[in-house]
Structure formats: structure tokens, C-alpha cells
Amino acid sequence: MKVIFACVHNAGRSQMAAAFFNKYAEKSHAISAGTEPADCVHPCVVDAMNEVGIDLAAVKPQKLTDELASQANVLITMGCGESCPFVPGLKREDWAIRDPKGKSVEDVRAIRDEILNRVLSFLREANEPACSKVSG
């Protein structure tokens, strides 16, 4: 499975999500991209991720293109709204997560932890056999 995490500037939420996904996924891979990529990952995000042992200092934001999206199985958007591409046949989820830009250290940590929890939940659901998802 290949997952794309997308947000507007690809400088915060999507970078954290892809980093956590790649750390905890066994056979899947994630990339992150943005509809209007920034020049660099937000320093507050780099600092918050360093606290949990993930270095994003050298990561560069990249443009989310239709071609890039077409190479994935799942597109998880994080606030890019209508500017995120629609790719027929691609599973798409939207995670309403606050943008860490300009937030306090405590807020950035809370956003980081929310993203980690969502990524871990997504991975658990993706690894469950289909029959175990049926209730009743």
C-alpha cells in the first residue's frame, strides 16, 4: 500500500503523518505533498518531531500533482480542501487537523500526538482481516 498525506504547504501535518507512517508501517510506504508547497518544514514541527526521535530537518516540501496522487492507493488530506486533487478510483480520507504553523510548542506537540494516534489507528484498521471488521 502506498499512502499520500497532503496538506496545503507540506510543511507540517502531512510531513509528521508520513514520518510516523513510515516509522510504524511494516509493508507500506507513505509520502507527503502539498498543493502550495512551502520552502521548508516549519521549524516548530522539526523541533517537535526531534523530541520523538524523528529528524525532518533535511526534508523538503513537494508539490502534490495528479501524477503523484495516481501512484498511491490512499490519499489522506489534512486541510487542503478543494485544492486537493481528485483521482478516480483512489480511496480518499480527510483528517481535520489544525495547522501547526504559528502555534505554541504545547499546541504543536498536541497536534503531533493527534497525528500519531490517527496514523496508528489507520495502520491497525488497514492490517485487520476483512472478516474481523464485520460486526454482529
C-alpha atoms as a PDB file:
ATOM      1  CA  MET A   1       0.000   0.000   0.000  1.00  0.00           C
ATOM      2  CA  LYS A   2       1.207   3.491  -0.828  1.00  0.00           C
ATOM      3  CA  VAL A   3      -0.313   6.444   1.031  1.00  0.00           C
ATOM      4  CA  ILE A   4      -0.007  10.137   0.287  1.00  0.00           C
ATOM      5  CA  PHE A   5      -0.547  12.582   3.128  1.00  0.00           C
ATOM      6  CA  ALA A   6      -1.411  16.014   1.760  1.00  0.00           C
ATOM      7  CA  CYS A   7      -1.864  19.464   3.229  1.00  0.00           C
ATOM      8  CA  VAL A   8      -1.549  22.928   1.728  1.00  0.00           C
ATOM      9  CA  HIS A   9       2.096  23.796   2.378  1.00  0.00           C
ATOM     10  CA  ASN A  10       3.507  20.313   3.051  1.00  0.00           C
ATOM     11  CA  ALA A  11       5.418  21.868   5.921  1.00  0.00           C
ATOM     12  CA  GLY A  12       3.701  20.445   8.987  1.00  0.00           C
ATOM     13  CA  ARG A  13       0.824  17.991   9.307  1.00  0.00           C
ATOM     14  CA  SER A  14       1.481  15.894   6.228  1.00  0.00           C
ATOM     15  CA  GLN A  15       5.209  15.708   6.981  1.00  0.00           C
ATOM     16  CA  MET A  16       4.528  14.434  10.514  1.00  0.00           C
ATOM     17  CA  ALA A  17       1.954  11.913   9.283  1.00  0.00           C
ATOM     18  CA  ALA A  18       4.213  10.461   6.579  1.00  0.00           C
ATOM     19  CA  ALA A  19       7.135  10.230   9.002  1.00  0.00           C
ATOM     20  CA  PHE A  20       5.063   8.378  11.608  1.00  0.00           C
ATOM     21  CA  PHE A  21       3.511   6.134   8.963  1.00  0.00           C
ATOM     22  CA  ASN A  22       6.915   5.140   7.590  1.00  0.00           C
ATOM     23  CA  LYS A  23       8.237   4.517  11.087  1.00  0.00           C
ATOM     24  CA  TYR A  24       5.400   2.169  12.086  1.00  0.00           C
ATOM     25  CA  ALA A  25       4.206   0.577   8.827  1.00  0.00           C
ATOM     26  CA  GLU A  26       5.639  -2.819   8.042  1.00  0.00           C
ATOM     27  CA  LYS A  27       4.964  -3.288   4.337  1.00  0.00           C
ATOM     28  CA  SER A  28       3.523   0.048   3.277  1.00  0.00           C
ATOM     29  CA  HIS A  29       5.069   3.390   2.413  1.00  0.00           C
ATOM     30  CA  ALA A  30       3.908   6.988   2.665  1.00  0.00           C
ATOM     31  CA  ILE A  31       4.960  10.245   1.105  1.00  0.00           C
ATOM     32  CA  SER A  32       3.749  13.741   1.800  1.00  0.00           C
ATOM     33  CA  ALA A  33       2.988  16.593  -0.549  1.00  0.00           C
ATOM     34  CA  GLY A  34       1.207  19.923  -0.665  1.00  0.00           C
ATOM     35  CA  THR A  35      -0.927  21.921  -3.058  1.00  0.00           C
ATOM     36  CA  GLU A  36       1.187  25.049  -2.446  1.00  0.00           C
ATOM     37  CA  PRO A  37       4.469  23.724  -1.001  1.00  0.00           C
ATOM     38  CA  ALA A  38       6.485  25.929   1.323  1.00  0.00           C
ATOM     39  CA  ASP A  39      10.244  26.337   1.119  1.00  0.00           C
ATOM     40  CA  CYS A  40      10.904  24.223   4.214  1.00  0.00           C
ATOM     41  CA  VAL A  41       9.258  22.274   7.021  1.00  0.00           C
ATOM     42  CA  HIS A  42       8.143  24.567   9.857  1.00  0.00           C
ATOM     43  CA  PRO A  43      10.907  24.785  12.497  1.00  0.00           C
ATOM     44  CA  CYS A  44       8.371  24.114  15.270  1.00  0.00           C
ATOM     45  CA  VAL A  45       7.456  20.838  13.515  1.00  0.00           C
ATOM     46  CA  VAL A  46      11.117  19.861  13.135  1.00  0.00           C
ATOM     47  CA  ASP A  47      11.615  20.517  16.863  1.00  0.00           C
ATOM     48  CA  ALA A  48       8.502  18.585  17.915  1.00  0.00           C
ATOM     49  CA  MET A  49       9.444  15.589  15.785  1.00  0.00           C
ATOM     50  CA  ASN A  50      13.022  15.640  17.095  1.00  0.00           C
ATOM     51  CA  GLU A  51      11.522  15.193  20.568  1.00  0.00           C
ATOM     52  CA  VAL A  52      10.190  11.795  19.459  1.00  0.00           C
ATOM     53  CA  GLY A  53      13.332  10.765  17.597  1.00  0.00           C
ATOM     54  CA  ILE A  54      12.347  11.693  14.032  1.00  0.00           C
ATOM     55  CA  ASP A  55      14.533  14.146  12.117  1.00  0.00           C
ATOM     56  CA  LEU A  56      12.723  16.224   9.484  1.00  0.00           C
ATOM     57  CA  ALA A  57      15.400  18.921   9.174  1.00  0.00           C
ATOM     58  CA  ALA A  58      16.518  17.846   5.689  1.00  0.00           C
ATOM     59  CA  VAL A  59      13.033  17.099   4.325  1.00  0.00           C
ATOM     60  CA  LYS A  60      11.824  19.380   1.522  1.00  0.00           C
ATOM     61  CA  PRO A  61       8.135  20.071   0.823  1.00  0.00           C
ATOM     62  CA  GLN A  62       6.959  18.888  -2.591  1.00  0.00           C
ATOM     63  CA  LYS A  63       4.054  19.652  -4.918  1.00  0.00           C
ATOM     64  CA  LEU A  64       1.029  17.353  -4.903  1.00  0.00           C
ATOM     65  CA  THR A  65       0.338  16.566  -8.537  1.00  0.00           C
ATOM     66  CA  ASP A  66      -2.288  14.376 -10.157  1.00  0.00           C
ATOM     67  CA  GLU A  67       0.540  12.130 -11.369  1.00  0.00           C
ATOM     68  CA  LEU A  68       1.929  11.712  -7.861  1.00  0.00           C
ATOM     69  CA  ALA A  69      -1.547  11.002  -6.479  1.00  0.00           C
ATOM     70  CA  SER A  70      -2.242   8.425  -9.185  1.00  0.00           C
ATOM     71  CA  GLN A  71       0.669   6.307  -7.892  1.00  0.00           C
ATOM     72  CA  ALA A  72      -0.998   5.855  -4.481  1.00  0.00           C
ATOM     73  CA  ASN A  73      -3.715   3.626  -3.085  1.00  0.00           C
ATOM     74  CA  VAL A  74      -4.887   6.139  -0.479  1.00  0.00           C
ATOM     75  CA  LEU A  75      -4.826   9.936  -0.301  1.00  0.00           C
ATOM     76  CA  ILE A  76      -5.255  11.394   3.181  1.00  0.00           C
ATOM     77  CA  THR A  77      -5.843  15.124   3.074  1.00  0.00           C
ATOM     78  CA  MET A  78      -5.303  17.431   6.016  1.00  0.00           C
ATOM     79  CA  GLY A  79      -6.909  20.740   5.303  1.00  0.00           C
ATOM     80  CA  CYS A  80      -6.194  21.419   1.635  1.00  0.00           C
ATOM     81  CA  GLY A  81      -9.916  21.404   0.852  1.00  0.00           C
ATOM     82  CA  GLU A  82     -10.907  21.976  -2.742  1.00  0.00           C
ATOM     83  CA  SER A  83      -7.301  22.425  -3.871  1.00  0.00           C
ATOM     84  CA  CYS A  84      -6.568  18.716  -3.284  1.00  0.00           C
ATOM     85  CA  PRO A  85      -6.770  16.694  -6.488  1.00  0.00           C
ATOM     86  CA  PHE A  86      -9.495  14.153  -7.151  1.00  0.00           C
ATOM     87  CA  VAL A  87      -8.165  10.908  -8.579  1.00  0.00           C
ATOM     88  CA  PRO A  88     -10.841   8.442  -9.742  1.00  0.00           C
ATOM     89  CA  GLY A  89     -10.525   5.078  -8.019  1.00  0.00           C
ATOM     90  CA  LEU A  90      -8.273   6.398  -5.251  1.00  0.00           C
ATOM     91  CA  LYS A  91      -9.515   5.963  -1.703  1.00  0.00           C
ATOM     92  CA  ARG A  92      -9.560   9.355  -0.003  1.00  0.00           C
ATOM     93  CA  GLU A  93      -9.902  10.346   3.637  1.00  0.00           C
ATOM     94  CA  ASP A  94      -9.832  13.793   5.195  1.00  0.00           C
ATOM     95  CA  TRP A  95      -8.389  14.349   8.645  1.00  0.00           C
ATOM     96  CA  ALA A  96      -9.447  17.698  10.096  1.00  0.00           C
ATOM     97  CA  ILE A  97      -6.273  18.587  11.970  1.00  0.00           C
ATOM     98  CA  ARG A  98      -5.160  22.087  12.940  1.00  0.00           C
ATOM     99  CA  ASP A  99      -2.185  23.613  11.128  1.00  0.00           C
ATOM    100  CA  PRO A 100       0.831  23.816  13.484  1.00  0.00           C
ATOM    101  CA  LYS A 101       2.195  26.969  11.833  1.00  0.00           C
ATOM    102  CA  GLY A 102       2.441  29.786  14.356  1.00  0.00           C
ATOM    103  CA  LYS A 103       1.185  27.662  17.251  1.00  0.00           C
ATOM    104  CA  SER A 104       2.782  27.357  20.694  1.00  0.00           C
ATOM    105  CA  VAL A 105       5.144  24.481  21.473  1.00  0.00           C
ATOM    106  CA  GLU A 106       2.395  22.834  23.535  1.00  0.00           C
ATOM    107  CA  ASP A 107      -0.095  23.109  20.665  1.00  0.00           C
ATOM    108  CA  VAL A 108       2.392  21.674  18.162  1.00  0.00           C
ATOM    109  CA  ARG A 109       3.041  18.728  20.491  1.00  0.00           C
ATOM    110  CA  ALA A 110      -0.717  18.130  20.800  1.00  0.00           C
ATOM    111  CA  ILE A 111      -1.104  18.224  17.003  1.00  0.00           C
ATOM    112  CA  ARG A 112       1.872  15.839  16.640  1.00  0.00           C
ATOM    113  CA  ASP A 113       0.347  13.410  19.136  1.00  0.00           C
ATOM    114  CA  GLU A 114      -3.067  13.572  17.439  1.00  0.00           C
ATOM    115  CA  ILE A 115      -1.438  12.759  14.114  1.00  0.00           C
ATOM    116  CA  LEU A 116       0.465   9.847  15.665  1.00  0.00           C
ATOM    117  CA  ASN A 117      -2.754   8.432  17.118  1.00  0.00           C
ATOM    118  CA  ARG A 118      -4.566   8.749  13.789  1.00  0.00           C
ATOM    119  CA  VAL A 119      -1.706   7.108  11.889  1.00  0.00           C
ATOM    120  CA  LEU A 120      -1.567   4.198  14.341  1.00  0.00           C
ATOM    121  CA  SER A 121      -5.343   3.777  14.135  1.00  0.00           C
ATOM    122  CA  PHE A 122      -5.208   3.845  10.330  1.00  0.00           C
ATOM    123  CA  LEU A 123      -2.478   1.193  10.328  1.00  0.00           C
ATOM    124  CA  ARG A 124      -4.442  -1.033  12.735  1.00  0.00           C
ATOM    125  CA  GLU A 125      -7.532  -0.811  10.522  1.00  0.00           C
ATOM    126  CA  ALA A 126      -5.540  -1.458   7.351  1.00  0.00           C
ATOM    127  CA  ASN A 127      -3.962  -4.594   8.858  1.00  0.00           C
ATOM    128  CA  GLU A 128      -7.200  -6.143  10.155  1.00  0.00           C
ATOM    129  CA  PRO A 129      -8.608  -9.034   8.112  1.00  0.00           C
ATOM    130  CA  ALA A 130     -11.847  -8.061   6.372  1.00  0.00           C
ATOM    131  CA  CYS A 131     -13.886 -10.633   8.343  1.00  0.00           C
ATOM    132  CA  SER A 132     -12.924  -9.062  11.676  1.00  0.00           C
ATOM    133  CA  LYS A 133     -14.428  -5.732  10.604  1.00  0.00           C
ATOM    134  CA  VAL A 134     -17.894  -7.222  10.281  1.00  0.00           C
ATOM    135  CA  SER A 135     -19.941  -6.673  13.402  1.00  0.00           C
ATOM    136  CA  GLY A 136     -22.590  -8.878  14.691  1.00  0.00           C
END
